[in-house]
C-alpha atoms as a PDB file:
ATOM      1  CA  MET A   1      70.535 -85.395  50.707  1.00  0.00           C
ATOM      2  CA  THR A   2      68.743 -88.634  50.941  1.00  0.00           C
ATOM      3  CA  ASP A   3      65.377 -89.505  49.472  1.00  0.00           C
ATOM      4  CA  ASN A   4      63.860 -89.818  52.663  1.00  0.00           C
ATOM      5  CA  PRO A   5      62.742 -86.485  54.141  1.00  0.00           C
ATOM      6  CA  VAL A   6      62.089 -87.979  57.559  1.00  0.00           C
ATOM      7  CA  LEU A   7      65.582 -89.293  57.812  1.00  0.00           C
ATOM      8  CA  GLU A   8      67.029 -85.998  56.738  1.00  0.00           C
ATOM      9  CA  GLU A   9      64.918 -84.329  59.474  1.00  0.00           C
ATOM     10  CA  TYR A  10      66.132 -86.575  62.100  1.00  0.00           C
ATOM     11  CA  LYS A  11      69.951 -86.115  60.893  1.00  0.00           C
ATOM     12  CA  LEU A  12      69.355 -82.280  61.111  1.00  0.00           C
ATOM     13  CA  CYS A  13      67.833 -82.626  64.553  1.00  0.00           C
ATOM     14  CA  HIS A  14      70.798 -84.598  65.530  1.00  0.00           C
ATOM     15  CA  ALA A  15      73.267 -81.910  64.332  1.00  0.00           C
ATOM     16  CA  ALA A  16      71.403 -79.223  66.043  1.00  0.00           C
ATOM     17  CA  LEU A  17      71.545 -81.074  69.319  1.00  0.00           C
ATOM     18  CA  ARG A  18      75.268 -81.495  68.934  1.00  0.00           C
ATOM     19  CA  ASN A  19      75.650 -77.839  67.963  1.00  0.00           C
ATOM     20  CA  LEU A  20      73.935 -76.810  70.955  1.00  0.00           C
ATOM     21  CA  ASP A  21      76.046 -79.067  73.371  1.00  0.00           C
ATOM     22  CA  GLU A  22      79.055 -77.762  71.585  1.00  0.00           C
ATOM     23  CA  GLN A  23      78.055 -74.199  72.087  1.00  0.00           C
ATOM     24  CA  ASN A  24      77.484 -74.702  75.782  1.00  0.00           C
ATOM     25  CA  TRP A  25      80.852 -76.262  76.411  1.00  0.00           C
ATOM     26  CA  ASN A  26      82.693 -73.619  74.402  1.00  0.00           C
ATOM     27  CA  LEU A  27      81.192 -70.723  76.047  1.00  0.00           C
ATOM     28  CA  GLY A  28      81.395 -72.431  79.370  1.00  0.00           C
ATOM     29  CA  SER A  29      85.097 -73.000  79.096  1.00  0.00           C
ATOM     30  CA  PHE A  30      85.829 -69.622  77.861  1.00  0.00           C
ATOM     31  CA  LEU A  31      83.720 -67.798  80.781  1.00  0.00           C
ATOM     32  CA  PHE A  32      84.905 -70.099  83.512  1.00  0.00           C
ATOM     33  CA  GLY A  33      88.486 -70.174  82.386  1.00  0.00           C
ATOM     34  CA  GLY A  34      88.272 -66.403  82.003  1.00  0.00           C
ATOM     35  CA  SER A  35      86.963 -66.057  85.487  1.00  0.00           C
ATOM     36  CA  LEU A  36      89.714 -68.027  86.857  1.00  0.00           C
ATOM     37  CA  ALA A  37      92.507 -66.147  84.931  1.00  0.00           C
ATOM     38  CA  ALA A  38      90.935 -63.007  86.418  1.00  0.00           C
ATOM     39  CA  ALA A  39      91.248 -64.471  89.899  1.00  0.00           C
ATOM     40  CA  GLY A  40      94.854 -65.382  89.136  1.00  0.00           C
ATOM     41  CA  PHE A  41      95.642 -61.913  87.995  1.00  0.00           C
ATOM     42  CA  VAL A  42      93.898 -60.077  90.934  1.00  0.00           C
ATOM     43  CA  LEU A  43      95.488 -62.597  93.567  1.00  0.00           C
ATOM     44  CA  GLY A  44      98.977 -62.620  91.859  1.00  0.00           C
ATOM     45  CA  LEU A  45      99.629 -59.047  90.625  1.00  0.00           C
ATOM     46  CA  SER A  46     100.019 -57.400  94.142  1.00  0.00           C
ATOM     47  CA  THR A  47     101.298 -58.449  97.320  1.00  0.00           C
ATOM     48  CA  HIS A  48      98.440 -57.125  99.140  1.00  0.00           C
ATOM     49  CA  VAL A  49      94.954 -58.348  98.055  1.00  0.00           C
ATOM     50  CA  THR A  50      92.288 -55.854  98.843  1.00  0.00           C
ATOM     51  CA  PHE A  51      88.681 -56.302  99.619  1.00  0.00           C
ATOM     52  CA  GLY A  52      87.546 -54.027  96.886  1.00  0.00           C
ATOM     53  CA  ARG A  53      89.494 -56.070  94.186  1.00  0.00           C
ATOM     54  CA  MET A  54      88.225 -59.354  95.758  1.00  0.00           C
ATOM     55  CA  LEU A  55      84.573 -57.932  95.727  1.00  0.00           C
ATOM     56  CA  GLY A  56      84.881 -56.877  92.362  1.00  0.00           C
ATOM     57  CA  LEU A  57      86.162 -59.923  91.040  1.00  0.00           C
ATOM     58  CA  SER A  58      83.384 -61.941  92.924  1.00  0.00           C
ATOM     59  CA  VAL A  59      80.633 -59.901  91.626  1.00  0.00           C
ATOM     60  CA  LEU A  60      81.941 -59.947  88.190  1.00  0.00           C
ATOM     61  CA  SER A  61      82.414 -63.842  88.094  1.00  0.00           C
ATOM     62  CA  THR A  62      79.060 -64.275  89.685  1.00  0.00           C
ATOM     63  CA  ILE A  63      77.262 -62.287  87.071  1.00  0.00           C
ATOM     64  CA  LEU A  64      79.291 -63.995  84.139  1.00  0.00           C
ATOM     65  CA  LEU A  65      78.766 -67.489  85.388  1.00  0.00           C
ATOM     66  CA  PHE A  66      75.055 -66.757  86.241  1.00  0.00           C
ATOM     67  CA  GLY A  67      74.532 -65.682  82.594  1.00  0.00           C
ATOM     68  CA  LEU A  68      76.214 -68.976  81.591  1.00  0.00           C
ATOM     69  CA  LEU A  69      73.852 -70.866  83.708  1.00  0.00           C
ATOM     70  CA  LEU A  70      70.978 -69.128  82.284  1.00  0.00           C
ATOM     71  CA  TYR A  71      72.202 -69.857  78.708  1.00  0.00           C
ATOM     72  CA  VAL A  72      72.846 -73.508  79.308  1.00  0.00           C
ATOM     73  CA  TRP A  73      69.327 -73.848  80.753  1.00  0.00           C
ATOM     74  CA  ARG A  74      67.940 -72.209  77.702  1.00  0.00           C
ATOM     75  CA  ASN A  75      69.689 -74.322  75.455  1.00  0.00           C
ATOM     76  CA  ALA A  76      68.800 -77.400  77.417  1.00  0.00           C
ATOM     77  CA  SER A  77      65.055 -76.379  76.946  1.00  0.00           C
ATOM     78  CA  VAL A  78      65.635 -76.092  73.111  1.00  0.00           C
ATOM     79  CA  ALA A  79      67.312 -79.493  73.097  1.00  0.00           C
ATOM     80  CA  ASP A  80      64.480 -81.144  74.902  1.00  0.00           C
ATOM     81  CA  VAL A  81      62.087 -79.698  72.205  1.00  0.00           C
ATOM     82  CA  ILE A  82      64.445 -81.435  69.475  1.00  0.00           C
ATOM     83  CA  ARG A  83      64.699 -84.474  71.400  1.00  0.00           C
ATOM     84  CA  GLN A  84      60.974 -84.809  71.501  1.00  0.00           C
ATOM     85  CA  ARG A  85      60.800 -84.281  67.755  1.00  0.00           C
ATOM     86  CA  MET A  86      63.389 -86.996  67.343  1.00  0.00           C
ATOM     87  CA  PHE A  87      61.616 -89.307  69.522  1.00  0.00           C
ATOM     88  CA  VAL A  88      58.215 -88.799  67.569  1.00  0.00           C
ATOM     89  CA  ILE A  89      60.343 -89.583  64.269  1.00  0.00           C
ATOM     90  CA  GLU A  90      61.597 -92.807  65.898  1.00  0.00           C
ATOM     91  CA  ILE A  91      58.111 -93.811  67.046  1.00  0.00           C
ATOM     92  CA  ALA A  92      56.564 -93.150  63.672  1.00  0.00           C
ATOM     93  CA  ASN A  93      59.349 -94.709  61.450  1.00  0.00           C
ATOM     94  CA  PRO A  94      60.837 -97.365  63.823  1.00  0.00           C
ATOM     95  CA  ASN A  95      62.554 -99.528  60.825  1.00  0.00           C
ATOM     96  CA  GLN A  96      63.423 -96.700  58.269  1.00  0.00           C
ATOM     97  CA  LEU A  97      66.219 -95.087  60.476  1.00  0.00           C
ATOM     98  CA  GLY A  98      68.625 -97.866  60.942  1.00  0.00           C
ATOM     99  CA  LEU A  99      69.256 -97.176  64.521  1.00  0.00           C
ATOM    100  CA  GLU A 100      70.870 -99.449  66.892  1.00  0.00           C
ATOM    101  CA  THR A 101      69.370 -97.926  69.951  1.00  0.00           C
ATOM    102  CA  SER A 102      66.528 -95.474  70.005  1.00  0.00           C
ATOM    103  CA  LEU A 103      66.431 -92.362  72.369  1.00  0.00           C
ATOM    104  CA  ASP A 104      63.907 -94.245  74.584  1.00  0.00           C
ATOM    105  CA  GLN A 105      66.408 -97.043  75.051  1.00  0.00           C
ATOM    106  CA  ALA A 106      69.170 -94.598  75.565  1.00  0.00           C
ATOM    107  CA  ARG A 107      67.154 -92.711  78.138  1.00  0.00           C
ATOM    108  CA  ARG A 108      66.223 -95.884  80.048  1.00  0.00           C
ATOM    109  CA  THR A 109      70.064 -96.979  80.109  1.00  0.00           C
ATOM    110  CA  GLY A 110      71.294 -93.701  81.472  1.00  0.00           C
ATOM    111  CA  ARG A 111      73.122 -92.334  78.256  1.00  0.00           C
ATOM    112  CA  PHE A 112      70.425 -89.643  77.927  1.00  0.00           C
ATOM    113  CA  PHE A 113      72.000 -86.973  79.865  1.00  0.00           C
ATOM    114  CA  GLY A 114      70.400 -83.671  79.057  1.00  0.00           C
ATOM    115  CA  VAL A 115      69.117 -82.979  82.507  1.00  0.00           C
ATOM    116  CA  LYS A 116      72.494 -84.320  84.190  1.00  0.00           C
ATOM    117  CA  GLN A 117      74.371 -81.690  82.027  1.00  0.00           C
ATOM    118  CA  ARG A 118      72.234 -78.887  83.460  1.00  0.00           C
ATOM    119  CA  TYR A 119      73.211 -80.124  87.165  1.00  0.00           C
ATOM    120  CA  LEU A 120      76.849 -80.610  86.269  1.00  0.00           C
ATOM    121  CA  TYR A 121      76.987 -77.045  85.154  1.00  0.00           C
ATOM    122  CA  ALA A 122      75.093 -75.653  88.088  1.00  0.00           C
ATOM    123  CA  GLY A 123      77.469 -77.747  90.597  1.00  0.00           C
ATOM    124  CA  MET A 124      80.662 -76.450  88.971  1.00  0.00           C
ATOM    125  CA  ILE A 125      79.623 -72.873  89.075  1.00  0.00           C
ATOM    126  CA  VAL A 126      78.271 -72.994  92.713  1.00  0.00           C
ATOM    127  CA  LEU A 127      81.697 -74.711  93.808  1.00  0.00           C
ATOM    128  CA  TYR A 128      83.534 -72.249  92.190  1.00  0.00           C
ATOM    129  CA  LEU A 129      81.684 -69.109  93.004  1.00  0.00           C
ATOM    130  CA  GLY A 130      81.437 -70.412  96.815  1.00  0.00           C
ATOM    131  CA  ALA A 131      85.215 -70.737  97.102  1.00  0.00           C
ATOM    132  CA  LEU A 132      85.490 -67.198  95.516  1.00  0.00           C
ATOM    133  CA  TRP A 133      83.013 -65.483  97.783  1.00  0.00           C
ATOM    134  CA  PHE A 134      84.615 -67.444 100.931  1.00  0.00           C
ATOM    135  CA  GLY A 135      87.829 -65.846  99.723  1.00  0.00           C
ATOM    136  CA  THR A 136      86.114 -62.520  99.588  1.00  0.00           C
ATOM    137  CA  PHE A 137      84.887 -63.070 102.945  1.00  0.00           C
ATOM    138  CA  LEU A 138      88.468 -63.984 104.403  1.00  0.00           C
ATOM    139  CA  VAL A 139      89.865 -60.942 102.840  1.00  0.00           C
ATOM    140  CA  TRP A 140      87.020 -58.710 104.469  1.00  0.00           C
ATOM    141  CA  GLN A 141      87.731 -60.425 107.785  1.00  0.00           C
ATOM    142  CA  CYS A 142      91.601 -60.570 107.564  1.00  0.00           C
ATOM    143  CA  PRO A 143      92.212 -56.887 108.939  1.00  0.00           C
ATOM    144  CA  LEU A 144      89.869 -57.629 111.951  1.00  0.00           C
ATOM    145  CA  THR A 145      91.525 -60.721 112.894  1.00  0.00           C
ATOM    146  CA  GLY A 146      95.053 -60.043 112.552  1.00  0.00           C
ATOM    147  CA  LEU A 147      95.605 -63.211 110.585  1.00  0.00           C
ATOM    148  CA  CYS A 148      96.726 -61.180 107.384  1.00  0.00           C
ATOM    149  CA  LEU A 149      99.265 -62.913 105.056  1.00  0.00           C
ATOM    150  CA  ARG A 150     101.717 -60.755 103.512  1.00  0.00           C
END
């Protein structure tokens, strides 16, 4: 503990931001990796992939990864509030914090990436689910076209 309560609050805000970011990446890697593993099991366990299995996998993955996206966006809004408080502390105490760069400087130089992280998650999820649903469509169309691979 320091004698300066403002500096202590700033440190706690920074720790909370790091914790939110860590939670996002841990949960994201768990759900995204689990979805990939489930796809591997569905596609690798049998010689014939059925439409029902692919549809179930696609629906389950969509629900899980959409939940992840909502969680990340919720954490991003909480992080925005924390960043605003840190910004107020920086403005009110410019010389007491001993920072090399402020949040405003980091925001202007592109190192402030809260919004970019939201779109990174959304992009990864959309690409993966697009490929998964495209695979489901191919499995559905396979018997109709006669191009089934066995």
